[in-house]
Amino acid sequence: MSEHNMMPPEGINQHASTAGEGALTITGLIKKSGKISGYQLSDGSRITKDQGVEMARQNKIRGVAVATNQGTEYLRGLPDQADSNNLGNLPTVGS
């Protein structure tokens, strides 16, 4: 696979969080009918998908970007060297 194919489509990210020290990370996914409906954060709290988008816009969650697909905002993990922190690789913690 070429490096170009590994990059997200141009313009997909609406906002990349610039959260620094003390910001929370996503540690688990909450799913309903197989789709992500929320997130568990590193402090143990659970938030909805919409709350996650708002927190990312406020730079309160590290390592994510807000993206839009067909008018719906959602979180995407920012690419880095680790696969273990990719949102798709996180455990499901609730439904």
PDB file of N, CA and C in Angstrom:
ATOM      1  N   MET A   1       0.856  -1.182   0.000  1.00  0.00           N
ATOM      2  CA  MET A   1       0.000   0.000   0.000  1.00  0.00           C
ATOM      3  C   MET A   1       0.896   1.237   0.000  1.00  0.00           C
ATOM      4  N   SER A   2       0.616   2.165  -0.846  1.00  0.00           N
ATOM      5  CA  SER A   2       1.435   3.360  -0.896  1.00  0.00           C
ATOM      6  C   SER A   2       1.094   4.289   0.260  1.00  0.00           C
ATOM      7  N   GLU A   3       2.038   5.171   0.572  1.00  0.00           N
ATOM      8  CA  GLU A   3       1.816   6.125   1.661  1.00  0.00           C
ATOM      9  C   GLU A   3       0.591   6.988   1.385  1.00  0.00           C
ATOM     10  N   HIS A   4       0.366   7.318   0.115  1.00  0.00           N
ATOM     11  CA  HIS A   4      -0.787   8.144  -0.248  1.00  0.00           C
ATOM     12  C   HIS A   4      -2.097   7.463   0.152  1.00  0.00           C
ATOM     13  N   ASN A   5      -2.183   6.140  -0.022  1.00  0.00           N
ATOM     14  CA  ASN A   5      -3.400   5.418   0.317  1.00  0.00           C
ATOM     15  C   ASN A   5      -3.636   5.329   1.814  1.00  0.00           C
ATOM     16  N   MET A   6      -2.608   5.556   2.616  1.00  0.00           N
ATOM     17  CA  MET A   6      -2.743   5.473   4.069  1.00  0.00           C
ATOM     18  C   MET A   6      -3.244   6.783   4.670  1.00  0.00           C
ATOM     19  N   MET A   7      -3.186   7.835   3.925  1.00  0.00           N
ATOM     20  CA  MET A   7      -3.608   9.134   4.421  1.00  0.00           C
ATOM     21  C   MET A   7      -5.129   9.260   4.320  1.00  0.00           C
ATOM     22  N   PRO A   8      -5.754   9.942   5.293  1.00  0.00           N
ATOM     23  CA  PRO A   8      -7.203  10.143   5.189  1.00  0.00           C
ATOM     24  C   PRO A   8      -7.523  11.047   4.002  1.00  0.00           C
ATOM     25  N   PRO A   9      -8.738  10.930   3.469  1.00  0.00           N
ATOM     26  CA  PRO A   9      -9.124  11.812   2.364  1.00  0.00           C
ATOM     27  C   PRO A   9      -8.965  13.275   2.758  1.00  0.00           C
ATOM     28  N   GLU A  10      -8.458  14.067   1.836  1.00  0.00           N
ATOM     29  CA  GLU A  10      -8.232  15.478   2.122  1.00  0.00           C
ATOM     30  C   GLU A  10      -9.533  16.160   2.526  1.00  0.00           C
ATOM     31  N   GLY A  11      -9.483  16.967   3.571  1.00  0.00           N
ATOM     32  CA  GLY A  11     -10.641  17.717   4.019  1.00  0.00           C
ATOM     33  C   GLY A  11     -11.577  16.951   4.943  1.00  0.00           C
ATOM     34  N   ILE A  12     -11.266  15.680   5.266  1.00  0.00           N
ATOM     35  CA  ILE A  12     -12.165  14.901   6.116  1.00  0.00           C
ATOM     36  C   ILE A  12     -12.184  15.426   7.555  1.00  0.00           C
ATOM     37  N   ASN A  13     -11.025  15.844   8.058  1.00  0.00           N
ATOM     38  CA  ASN A  13     -10.961  16.345   9.429  1.00  0.00           C
ATOM     39  C   ASN A  13     -11.386  17.805   9.475  1.00  0.00           C
ATOM     40  N   GLN A  14     -12.377  18.085  10.308  1.00  0.00           N
ATOM     41  CA  GLN A  14     -12.856  19.449  10.490  1.00  0.00           C
ATOM     42  C   GLN A  14     -12.059  20.179  11.565  1.00  0.00           C
ATOM     43  N   HIS A  15     -11.574  19.416  12.537  1.00  0.00           N
ATOM     44  CA  HIS A  15     -10.815  19.998  13.643  1.00  0.00           C
ATOM     45  C   HIS A  15      -9.931  18.915  14.236  1.00  0.00           C
ATOM     46  N   ALA A  16      -8.646  19.152  14.315  1.00  0.00           N
ATOM     47  CA  ALA A  16      -7.736  18.230  14.986  1.00  0.00           C
ATOM     48  C   ALA A  16      -7.452  18.789  16.372  1.00  0.00           C
ATOM     49  N   SER A  17      -7.729  18.000  17.383  1.00  0.00           N
ATOM     50  CA  SER A  17      -7.524  18.439  18.759  1.00  0.00           C
ATOM     51  C   SER A  17      -6.050  18.718  19.000  1.00  0.00           C
ATOM     52  N   THR A  18      -5.773  19.833  19.647  1.00  0.00           N
ATOM     53  CA  THR A  18      -4.407  20.187  20.004  1.00  0.00           C
ATOM     54  C   THR A  18      -4.213  20.062  21.509  1.00  0.00           C
ATOM     55  N   ALA A  19      -4.950  19.154  22.113  1.00  0.00           N
ATOM     56  CA  ALA A  19      -4.908  18.963  23.561  1.00  0.00           C
ATOM     57  C   ALA A  19      -3.504  18.613  24.007  1.00  0.00           C
ATOM     58  N   GLY A  20      -3.135  19.127  25.154  1.00  0.00           N
ATOM     59  CA  GLY A  20      -1.809  18.884  25.700  1.00  0.00           C
ATOM     60  C   GLY A  20      -1.867  18.080  26.974  1.00  0.00           C
ATOM     61  N   GLU A  21      -0.882  18.292  27.819  1.00  0.00           N
ATOM     62  CA  GLU A  21      -0.804  17.605  29.104  1.00  0.00           C
ATOM     63  C   GLU A  21      -2.097  17.793  29.879  1.00  0.00           C
ATOM     64  N   GLY A  22      -2.532  16.748  30.515  1.00  0.00           N
ATOM     65  CA  GLY A  22      -3.734  16.811  31.333  1.00  0.00           C
ATOM     66  C   GLY A  22      -5.012  16.527  30.574  1.00  0.00           C
ATOM     67  N   ALA A  23      -4.939  16.484  29.245  1.00  0.00           N
ATOM     68  CA  ALA A  23      -6.129  16.163  28.459  1.00  0.00           C
ATOM     69  C   ALA A  23      -6.427  14.678  28.595  1.00  0.00           C
ATOM     70  N   LEU A  24      -7.665  14.332  28.401  1.00  0.00           N
ATOM     71  CA  LEU A  24      -8.086  12.937  28.515  1.00  0.00           C
ATOM     72  C   LEU A  24      -7.837  12.198  27.207  1.00  0.00           C
ATOM     73  N   THR A  25      -7.806  10.875  27.285  1.00  0.00           N
ATOM     74  CA  THR A  25      -7.733  10.043  26.099  1.00  0.00           C
ATOM     75  C   THR A  25      -8.925   9.098  26.096  1.00  0.00           C
ATOM     76  N   ILE A  26      -9.260   8.592  24.943  1.00  0.00           N
ATOM     77  CA  ILE A  26     -10.335   7.610  24.824  1.00  0.00           C
ATOM     78  C   ILE A  26      -9.735   6.232  25.070  1.00  0.00           C
ATOM     79  N   THR A  27     -10.337   5.492  26.008  1.00  0.00           N
ATOM     80  CA  THR A  27      -9.822   4.174  26.367  1.00  0.00           C
ATOM     81  C   THR A  27     -10.754   3.040  25.965  1.00  0.00           C
ATOM     82  N   GLY A  28     -11.991   3.359  25.600  1.00  0.00           N
ATOM     83  CA  GLY A  28     -12.942   2.324  25.212  1.00  0.00           C
ATOM     84  C   GLY A  28     -14.097   2.912  24.429  1.00  0.00           C
ATOM     85  N   LEU A  29     -14.787   2.023  23.728  1.00  0.00           N
ATOM     86  CA  LEU A  29     -15.917   2.420  22.889  1.00  0.00           C
ATOM     87  C   LEU A  29     -17.216   1.900  23.480  1.00  0.00           C
ATOM     88  N   ILE A  30     -18.247   2.709  23.439  1.00  0.00           N
ATOM     89  CA  ILE A  30     -19.591   2.296  23.828  1.00  0.00           C
ATOM     90  C   ILE A  30     -20.366   2.128  22.528  1.00  0.00           C
ATOM     91  N   LYS A  31     -20.926   0.939  22.341  1.00  0.00           N
ATOM     92  CA  LYS A  31     -21.617   0.649  21.083  1.00  0.00           C
ATOM     93  C   LYS A  31     -23.073   0.296  21.320  1.00  0.00           C
ATOM     94  N   LYS A  32     -23.886   0.650  20.338  1.00  0.00           N
ATOM     95  CA  LYS A  32     -25.303   0.295  20.325  1.00  0.00           C
ATOM     96  C   LYS A  32     -25.594  -0.245  18.935  1.00  0.00           C
ATOM     97  N   SER A  33     -26.075  -1.455  18.852  1.00  0.00           N
ATOM     98  CA  SER A  33     -26.341  -2.125  17.576  1.00  0.00           C
ATOM     99  C   SER A  33     -25.100  -2.145  16.688  1.00  0.00           C
ATOM    100  N   GLY A  34     -23.929  -2.314  17.313  1.00  0.00           N
ATOM    101  CA  GLY A  34     -22.680  -2.418  16.572  1.00  0.00           C
ATOM    102  C   GLY A  34     -22.054  -1.100  16.155  1.00  0.00           C
ATOM    103  N   LYS A  35     -22.718   0.017  16.431  1.00  0.00           N
ATOM    104  CA  LYS A  35     -22.190   1.326  16.047  1.00  0.00           C
ATOM    105  C   LYS A  35     -21.758   2.094  17.292  1.00  0.00           C
ATOM    106  N   ILE A  36     -20.705   2.886  17.150  1.00  0.00           N
ATOM    107  CA  ILE A  36     -20.209   3.674  18.276  1.00  0.00           C
ATOM    108  C   ILE A  36     -21.247   4.718  18.675  1.00  0.00           C
ATOM    109  N   SER A  37     -21.635   4.690  19.951  1.00  0.00           N
ATOM    110  CA  SER A  37     -22.589   5.677  20.460  1.00  0.00           C
ATOM    111  C   SER A  37     -21.960   6.555  21.537  1.00  0.00           C
ATOM    112  N   GLY A  38     -20.767   6.171  22.001  1.00  0.00           N
ATOM    113  CA  GLY A  38     -20.099   6.945  23.031  1.00  0.00           C
ATOM    114  C   GLY A  38     -18.699   6.420  23.279  1.00  0.00           C
ATOM    115  N   TYR A  39     -18.061   7.020  24.288  1.00  0.00           N
ATOM    116  CA  TYR A  39     -16.664   6.704  24.579  1.00  0.00           C
ATOM    117  C   TYR A  39     -16.441   6.643  26.088  1.00  0.00           C
ATOM    118  N   GLN A  40     -15.514   5.794  26.480  1.00  0.00           N
ATOM    119  CA  GLN A  40     -15.027   5.823  27.862  1.00  0.00           C
ATOM    120  C   GLN A  40     -13.700   6.564  27.831  1.00  0.00           C
ATOM    121  N   LEU A  41     -13.523   7.467  28.784  1.00  0.00           N
ATOM    122  CA  LEU A  41     -12.317   8.288  28.833  1.00  0.00           C
ATOM    123  C   LEU A  41     -11.344   7.779  29.891  1.00  0.00           C
ATOM    124  N   SER A  42     -10.127   8.274  29.825  1.00  0.00           N
ATOM    125  CA  SER A  42      -9.062   7.821  30.710  1.00  0.00           C
ATOM    126  C   SER A  42      -9.334   8.097  32.181  1.00  0.00           C
ATOM    127  N   ASP A  43     -10.267   8.982  32.498  1.00  0.00           N
ATOM    128  CA  ASP A  43     -10.630   9.223  33.899  1.00  0.00           C
ATOM    129  C   ASP A  43     -11.776   8.317  34.351  1.00  0.00           C
ATOM    130  N   GLY A  44     -12.219   7.395  33.457  1.00  0.00           N
ATOM    131  CA  GLY A  44     -13.291   6.462  33.784  1.00  0.00           C
ATOM    132  C   GLY A  44     -14.681   6.944  33.420  1.00  0.00           C
ATOM    133  N   SER A  45     -14.815   8.208  33.058  1.00  0.00           N
ATOM    134  CA  SER A  45     -16.137   8.731  32.713  1.00  0.00           C
ATOM    135  C   SER A  45     -16.561   8.204  31.345  1.00  0.00           C
ATOM    136  N   ARG A  46     -17.865   8.193  31.125  1.00  0.00           N
ATOM    137  CA  ARG A  46     -18.434   7.774  29.857  1.00  0.00           C
ATOM    138  C   ARG A  46     -19.229   8.939  29.282  1.00  0.00           C
ATOM    139  N   ILE A  47     -19.029   9.178  28.000  1.00  0.00           N
ATOM    140  CA  ILE A  47     -19.671  10.303  27.335  1.00  0.00           C
ATOM    141  C   ILE A  47     -20.317   9.823  26.043  1.00  0.00           C
ATOM    142  N   THR A  48     -21.265  10.600  25.551  1.00  0.00           N
ATOM    143  CA  THR A  48     -21.904  10.280  24.279  1.00  0.00           C
ATOM    144  C   THR A  48     -20.978  10.673  23.129  1.00  0.00           C
ATOM    145  N   LYS A  49     -21.325  10.218  21.963  1.00  0.00           N
ATOM    146  CA  LYS A  49     -20.575  10.574  20.758  1.00  0.00           C
ATOM    147  C   LYS A  49     -20.573  12.097  20.566  1.00  0.00           C
ATOM    148  N   ASP A  50     -21.724  12.727  20.744  1.00  0.00           N
ATOM    149  CA  ASP A  50     -21.819  14.183  20.595  1.00  0.00           C
ATOM    150  C   ASP A  50     -20.977  14.915  21.637  1.00  0.00           C
ATOM    151  N   GLN A  51     -20.976  14.422  22.873  1.00  0.00           N
ATOM    152  CA  GLN A  51     -20.139  15.039  23.907  1.00  0.00           C
ATOM    153  C   GLN A  51     -18.661  14.899  23.544  1.00  0.00           C
ATOM    154  N   GLY A  52     -18.290  13.753  22.971  1.00  0.00           N
ATOM    155  CA  GLY A  52     -16.900  13.548  22.549  1.00  0.00           C
ATOM    156  C   GLY A  52     -16.486  14.530  21.475  1.00  0.00           C
ATOM    157  N   VAL A  53     -17.363  14.762  20.518  1.00  0.00           N
ATOM    158  CA  VAL A  53     -17.081  15.731  19.462  1.00  0.00           C
ATOM    159  C   VAL A  53     -16.889  17.115  20.064  1.00  0.00           C
ATOM    160  N   GLU A  54     -17.759  17.515  20.974  1.00  0.00           N
ATOM    161  CA  GLU A  54     -17.649  18.841  21.588  1.00  0.00           C
ATOM    162  C   GLU A  54     -16.365  18.958  22.415  1.00  0.00           C
ATOM    163  N   MET A  55     -16.042  17.912  23.180  1.00  0.00           N
ATOM    164  CA  MET A  55     -14.814  17.946  23.985  1.00  0.00           C
ATOM    165  C   MET A  55     -13.579  18.014  23.094  1.00  0.00           C
ATOM    166  N   ALA A  56     -13.588  17.321  21.964  1.00  0.00           N
ATOM    167  CA  ALA A  56     -12.450  17.384  21.043  1.00  0.00           C
ATOM    168  C   ALA A  56     -12.313  18.786  20.464  1.00  0.00           C
ATOM    169  N   ARG A  57     -13.434  19.414  20.144  1.00  0.00           N
ATOM    170  CA  ARG A  57     -13.395  20.794  19.633  1.00  0.00           C
ATOM    171  C   ARG A  57     -12.813  21.755  20.675  1.00  0.00           C
ATOM    172  N   GLN A  58     -13.018  21.430  21.943  1.00  0.00           N
ATOM    173  CA  GLN A  58     -12.490  22.253  23.037  1.00  0.00           C
ATOM    174  C   GLN A  58     -11.086  21.810  23.454  1.00  0.00           C
ATOM    175  N   ASN A  59     -10.486  20.880  22.684  1.00  0.00           N
ATOM    176  CA  ASN A  59      -9.140  20.360  22.945  1.00  0.00           C
ATOM    177  C   ASN A  59      -9.019  19.686  24.304  1.00  0.00           C
ATOM    178  N   LYS A  60     -10.080  19.022  24.732  1.00  0.00           N
ATOM    179  CA  LYS A  60     -10.077  18.316  26.006  1.00  0.00           C
ATOM    180  C   LYS A  60      -9.790  16.826  25.856  1.00  0.00           C
ATOM    181  N   ILE A  61      -9.746  16.331  24.605  1.00  0.00           N
ATOM    182  CA  ILE A  61      -9.421  14.931  24.335  1.00  0.00           C
ATOM    183  C   ILE A  61      -8.211  14.913  23.405  1.00  0.00           C
ATOM    184  N   ARG A  62      -7.208  14.153  23.785  1.00  0.00           N
ATOM    185  CA  ARG A  62      -5.955  14.089  23.033  1.00  0.00           C
ATOM    186  C   ARG A  62      -6.010  12.983  21.972  1.00  0.00           C
ATOM    187  N   GLY A  63      -5.383  13.237  20.817  1.00  0.00           N
ATOM    188  CA  GLY A  63      -5.182  12.221  19.807  1.00  0.00           C
ATOM    189  C   GLY A  63      -6.339  11.974  18.859  1.00  0.00           C
ATOM    190  N   VAL A  64      -7.272  12.921  18.785  1.00  0.00           N
ATOM    191  CA  VAL A  64      -8.427  12.739  17.910  1.00  0.00           C
ATOM    192  C   VAL A  64      -8.670  13.970  17.043  1.00  0.00           C
ATOM    193  N   ALA A  65      -9.444  13.755  16.006  1.00  0.00           N
ATOM    194  CA  ALA A  65      -9.905  14.842  15.146  1.00  0.00           C
ATOM    195  C   ALA A  65     -11.407  14.686  14.976  1.00  0.00           C
ATOM    196  N   VAL A  66     -12.078  15.793  14.739  1.00  0.00           N
ATOM    197  CA  VAL A  66     -13.501  15.772  14.419  1.00  0.00           C
ATOM    198  C   VAL A  66     -13.602  15.703  12.900  1.00  0.00           C
ATOM    199  N   ALA A  67     -14.323  14.702  12.414  1.00  0.00           N
ATOM    200  CA  ALA A  67     -14.525  14.526  10.978  1.00  0.00           C
ATOM    201  C   ALA A  67     -16.021  14.533  10.696  1.00  0.00           C
ATOM    202  N   THR A  68     -16.362  14.684   9.437  1.00  0.00           N
ATOM    203  CA  THR A  68     -17.766  14.702   9.029  1.00  0.00           C
ATOM    204  C   THR A  68     -17.972  13.709   7.897  1.00  0.00           C
ATOM    205  N   ASN A  69     -19.035  12.926   8.011  1.00  0.00           N
ATOM    206  CA  ASN A  69     -19.424  11.999   6.957  1.00  0.00           C
ATOM    207  C   ASN A  69     -20.922  12.152   6.732  1.00  0.00           C
ATOM    208  N   GLN A  70     -21.297  12.578   5.562  1.00  0.00           N
ATOM    209  CA  GLN A  70     -22.700  12.783   5.206  1.00  0.00           C
ATOM    210  C   GLN A  70     -23.420  13.650   6.237  1.00  0.00           C
ATOM    211  N   GLY A  71     -22.747  14.703   6.670  1.00  0.00           N
ATOM    212  CA  GLY A  71     -23.336  15.658   7.586  1.00  0.00           C
ATOM    213  C   GLY A  71     -23.297  15.266   9.051  1.00  0.00           C
ATOM    214  N   THR A  72     -22.751  14.087   9.379  1.00  0.00           N
ATOM    215  CA  THR A  72     -22.669  13.636  10.762  1.00  0.00           C
ATOM    216  C   THR A  72     -21.236  13.759  11.255  1.00  0.00           C
ATOM    217  N   GLU A  73     -21.061  14.436  12.383  1.00  0.00           N
ATOM    218  CA  GLU A  73     -19.729  14.586  12.960  1.00  0.00           C
ATOM    219  C   GLU A  73     -19.397  13.378  13.831  1.00  0.00           C
ATOM    220  N   TYR A  74     -18.132  12.995  13.798  1.00  0.00           N
ATOM    221  CA  TYR A  74     -17.658  11.876  14.603  1.00  0.00           C
ATOM    222  C   TYR A  74     -16.169  12.072  14.886  1.00  0.00           C
ATOM    223  N   LEU A  75     -15.623  11.250  15.770  1.00  0.00           N
ATOM    224  CA  LEU A  75     -14.206  11.337  16.100  1.00  0.00           C
ATOM    225  C   LEU A  75     -13.409  10.315  15.316  1.00  0.00           C
ATOM    226  N   ARG A  76     -12.215  10.717  14.909  1.00  0.00           N
ATOM    227  CA  ARG A  76     -11.243   9.850  14.263  1.00  0.00           C
ATOM    228  C   ARG A  76      -9.949   9.963  15.049  1.00  0.00           C
ATOM    229  N   GLY A  77      -9.244   8.869  15.176  1.00  0.00           N
ATOM    230  CA  GLY A  77      -7.932   8.919  15.797  1.00  0.00           C
ATOM    231  C   GLY A  77      -6.943   9.589  14.866  1.00  0.00           C
ATOM    232  N   LEU A  78      -6.057  10.401  15.429  1.00  0.00           N
ATOM    233  CA  LEU A  78      -5.004  11.004  14.617  1.00  0.00           C
ATOM    234  C   LEU A  78      -3.925   9.960  14.374  1.00  0.00           C
ATOM    235  N   PRO A  79      -3.387   9.867  13.172  1.00  0.00           N
ATOM    236  CA  PRO A  79      -2.370   8.859  12.890  1.00  0.00           C
ATOM    237  C   PRO A  79      -1.110   9.089  13.708  1.00  0.00           C
ATOM    238  N   ASP A  80      -0.577   7.996  14.227  1.00  0.00           N
ATOM    239  CA  ASP A  80       0.712   8.017  14.897  1.00  0.00           C
ATOM    240  C   ASP A  80       1.377   6.666  14.668  1.00  0.00           C
ATOM    241  N   GLN A  81       2.427   6.379  15.378  1.00  0.00           N
ATOM    242  CA  GLN A  81       3.180   5.149  15.156  1.00  0.00           C
ATOM    243  C   GLN A  81       2.587   3.934  15.863  1.00  0.00           C
ATOM    244  N   ALA A  82       1.599   4.120  16.738  1.00  0.00           N
ATOM    245  CA  ALA A  82       1.041   3.018  17.523  1.00  0.00           C
ATOM    246  C   ALA A  82      -0.329   2.608  16.987  1.00  0.00           C
ATOM    247  N   ASP A  83      -0.524   1.298  16.808  1.00  0.00           N
ATOM    248  CA  ASP A  83      -1.834   0.801  16.400  1.00  0.00           C
ATOM    249  C   ASP A  83      -2.761   0.609  17.586  1.00  0.00           C
ATOM    250  N   SER A  84      -2.198   0.406  18.783  1.00  0.00           N
ATOM    251  CA  SER A  84      -2.999   0.060  19.956  1.00  0.00           C
ATOM    252  C   SER A  84      -3.952   1.169  20.377  1.00  0.00           C
ATOM    253  N   ASN A  85      -3.654   2.427  20.011  1.00  0.00           N
ATOM    254  CA  ASN A  85      -4.525   3.524  20.416  1.00  0.00           C
ATOM    255  C   ASN A  85      -5.470   3.976  19.308  1.00  0.00           C
ATOM    256  N   ASN A  86      -5.480   3.267  18.182  1.00  0.00           N
ATOM    257  CA  ASN A  86      -6.441   3.593  17.124  1.00  0.00           C
ATOM    258  C   ASN A  86      -7.841   3.314  17.649  1.00  0.00           C
ATOM    259  N   LEU A  87      -8.776   4.191  17.380  1.00  0.00           N
ATOM    260  CA  LEU A  87     -10.128   4.028  17.917  1.00  0.00           C
ATOM    261  C   LEU A  87     -10.717   2.668  17.556  1.00  0.00           C
ATOM    262  N   GLY A  88     -10.491   2.193  16.356  1.00  0.00           N
ATOM    263  CA  GLY A  88     -11.038   0.906  15.932  1.00  0.00           C
ATOM    264  C   GLY A  88     -10.455  -0.283  16.687  1.00  0.00           C
ATOM    265  N   ASN A  89      -9.311  -0.104  17.330  1.00  0.00           N
ATOM    266  CA  ASN A  89      -8.660  -1.179  18.073  1.00  0.00           C
ATOM    267  C   ASN A  89      -8.987  -1.154  19.562  1.00  0.00           C
ATOM    268  N   LEU A  90      -9.733  -0.158  20.015  1.00  0.00           N
ATOM    269  CA  LEU A  90     -10.054  -0.055  21.437  1.00  0.00           C
ATOM    270  C   LEU A  90     -11.151  -1.053  21.798  1.00  0.00           C
ATOM    271  N   PRO A  91     -11.165  -1.486  23.043  1.00  0.00           N
ATOM    272  CA  PRO A  91     -12.188  -2.447  23.461  1.00  0.00           C
ATOM    273  C   PRO A  91     -13.577  -1.797  23.583  1.00  0.00           C
ATOM    274  N   THR A  92     -14.600  -2.618  23.390  1.00  0.00           N
ATOM    275  CA  THR A  92     -15.959  -2.173  23.630  1.00  0.00           C
ATOM    276  C   THR A  92     -16.219  -2.313  25.127  1.00  0.00           C
ATOM    277  N   VAL A  93     -16.695  -1.252  25.764  1.00  0.00           N
ATOM    278  CA  VAL A  93     -16.879  -1.248  27.209  1.00  0.00           C
ATOM    279  C   VAL A  93     -18.339  -1.164  27.629  1.00  0.00           C
ATOM    280  N   GLY A  94     -19.230  -1.069  26.704  1.00  0.00           N
ATOM    281  CA  GLY A  94     -20.643  -0.981  27.051  1.00  0.00           C
ATOM    282  C   GLY A  94     -21.492  -0.887  25.810  1.00  0.00           C
ATOM    283  N   SER A  95     -22.794  -0.934  26.055  1.00  0.00           N
ATOM    284  CA  SER A  95     -23.710  -0.816  24.925  1.00  0.00           C
ATOM    285  C   SER A  95     -24.914  -0.012  25.331  1.00  0.00           C
TER     286      SER A  95
END
